[in-house]
Amino acid sequence: MNGEPHNHDEHDPLVRAARQGADRDRRAAAEPEPSVLRRLAQIGVLGWVIVTPTLIGVFFGRWLDRQFHLEMFWAAALMVVGFAVGFWSAWKWMQKA
């Protein structure tokens, strides 16, 4: 018992969990949590990343519907496409953040 870790400590789940917790605490101290205002700004940007392509799809779809004298064919289809593009963009943005 000279203070050195024993070889069997490497496989002990309790020792491994304690080391992971200590590593997590060190990372948290090195990288502080973003402020509440920063989080709110991120949520706002995330909303616009989804809403903007959706609205563009609706407006362009309504224009096409008027050109071809249709009810809501293109507006509905392009709204779904715009939402999918926005959601995909938001997903990619969240993966970077």
Protein backbone atom coordinates (compact mmCIF):
# COMPACT_ATOMS: atom_id res chain seq x y z
CA MET A 1 0.00 0.00 0.00
CA ASN A 2 2.52 2.59 -1.13
CA GLY A 3 -0.04 4.96 -2.71
CA GLU A 4 0.41 3.65 -6.24
CA PRO A 5 -2.70 2.40 -8.03
CA HIS A 6 -3.02 -1.33 -8.08
CA ASN A 7 -3.39 -3.06 -11.41
CA HIS A 8 -6.82 -4.45 -10.48
CA ASP A 9 -8.05 -0.87 -9.76
CA GLU A 10 -8.17 -0.29 -13.52
CA HIS A 11 -11.11 -2.71 -13.84
CA ASP A 12 -13.00 -1.66 -10.71
CA PRO A 13 -16.22 0.15 -11.79
CA LEU A 14 -16.17 2.37 -8.70
CA VAL A 15 -12.61 3.53 -9.35
CA ARG A 16 -13.40 4.10 -13.03
CA ALA A 17 -16.53 6.13 -12.14
CA ALA A 18 -14.56 8.22 -9.64
CA ARG A 19 -11.92 9.00 -12.26
CA GLN A 20 -14.57 9.91 -14.83
CA GLY A 21 -16.24 12.22 -12.29
CA ALA A 22 -12.93 13.90 -11.50
CA ASP A 23 -12.22 14.34 -15.23
CA ARG A 24 -15.71 15.83 -15.74
CA ASP A 25 -15.12 18.27 -12.84
CA ARG A 26 -11.77 19.36 -14.31
CA ARG A 27 -13.34 19.95 -17.75
CA ALA A 28 -16.23 21.91 -16.19
CA ALA A 29 -13.75 24.13 -14.32
CA ALA A 30 -11.72 24.71 -17.50
CA GLU A 31 -14.80 25.41 -19.68
CA PRO A 32 -17.39 27.38 -17.69
CA GLU A 33 -21.09 27.01 -18.53
CA PRO A 34 -22.45 29.66 -20.93
CA SER A 35 -24.58 32.39 -19.37
CA VAL A 36 -28.38 32.33 -19.40
CA LEU A 37 -28.44 35.18 -21.95
CA ARG A 38 -26.12 33.25 -24.25
CA ARG A 39 -28.37 30.18 -23.99
CA LEU A 40 -31.45 32.30 -24.77
CA ALA A 41 -29.66 33.80 -27.77
CA GLN A 42 -28.82 30.31 -29.02
CA ILE A 43 -32.45 29.25 -28.67
CA GLY A 44 -33.55 32.34 -30.59
CA VAL A 45 -31.09 31.69 -33.39
CA LEU A 46 -32.16 28.06 -33.48
CA GLY A 47 -35.78 29.13 -33.94
CA TRP A 48 -34.94 31.42 -36.82
CA VAL A 49 -32.79 28.74 -38.46
CA ILE A 50 -35.94 26.59 -38.67
CA VAL A 51 -38.54 29.32 -39.32
CA THR A 52 -36.74 31.20 -42.10
CA PRO A 53 -36.48 28.34 -44.65
CA THR A 54 -40.05 27.29 -43.77
CA LEU A 55 -41.39 30.78 -44.53
CA ILE A 56 -39.34 31.01 -47.71
CA GLY A 57 -40.89 27.71 -48.82
CA VAL A 58 -44.40 28.97 -48.05
CA PHE A 59 -43.93 32.28 -49.88
CA PHE A 60 -42.32 30.68 -52.92
CA GLY A 61 -44.98 27.96 -52.91
CA ARG A 62 -47.80 30.54 -52.77
CA TRP A 63 -46.21 32.35 -55.70
CA LEU A 64 -46.08 29.10 -57.71
CA ASP A 65 -49.68 28.30 -56.77
CA ARG A 66 -50.80 31.70 -58.08
CA GLN A 67 -48.82 31.24 -61.30
CA PHE A 68 -50.39 27.82 -61.99
CA HIS A 69 -53.84 28.62 -60.50
CA LEU A 70 -53.62 25.95 -57.83
CA GLU A 71 -55.05 26.01 -54.31
CA MET A 72 -52.24 25.07 -51.90
CA PHE A 73 -50.27 22.38 -53.71
CA TRP A 74 -46.86 24.03 -53.92
CA ALA A 75 -47.24 26.05 -50.72
CA ALA A 76 -47.83 22.93 -48.64
CA ALA A 77 -45.10 20.92 -50.34
CA LEU A 78 -42.47 23.65 -50.13
CA MET A 79 -43.41 24.43 -46.54
CA VAL A 80 -42.55 20.83 -45.63
CA VAL A 81 -39.33 21.03 -47.65
CA GLY A 82 -38.43 24.34 -45.98
CA PHE A 83 -39.09 22.88 -42.54
CA ALA A 84 -36.93 19.85 -43.34
CA VAL A 85 -34.10 22.10 -44.56
CA GLY A 86 -34.41 24.28 -41.47
CA PHE A 87 -34.48 21.32 -39.11
CA TRP A 88 -31.43 19.79 -40.83
CA SER A 89 -29.59 23.14 -40.60
CA ALA A 90 -30.49 23.45 -36.93
CA TRP A 91 -29.28 19.91 -36.29
CA LYS A 92 -25.94 20.64 -37.98
CA TRP A 93 -25.61 23.92 -36.06
CA MET A 94 -26.28 22.19 -32.72
CA GLN A 95 -23.65 19.55 -33.50
CA LYS A 96 -21.04 22.31 -33.94
CA ALA A 97 -22.05 24.23 -30.78
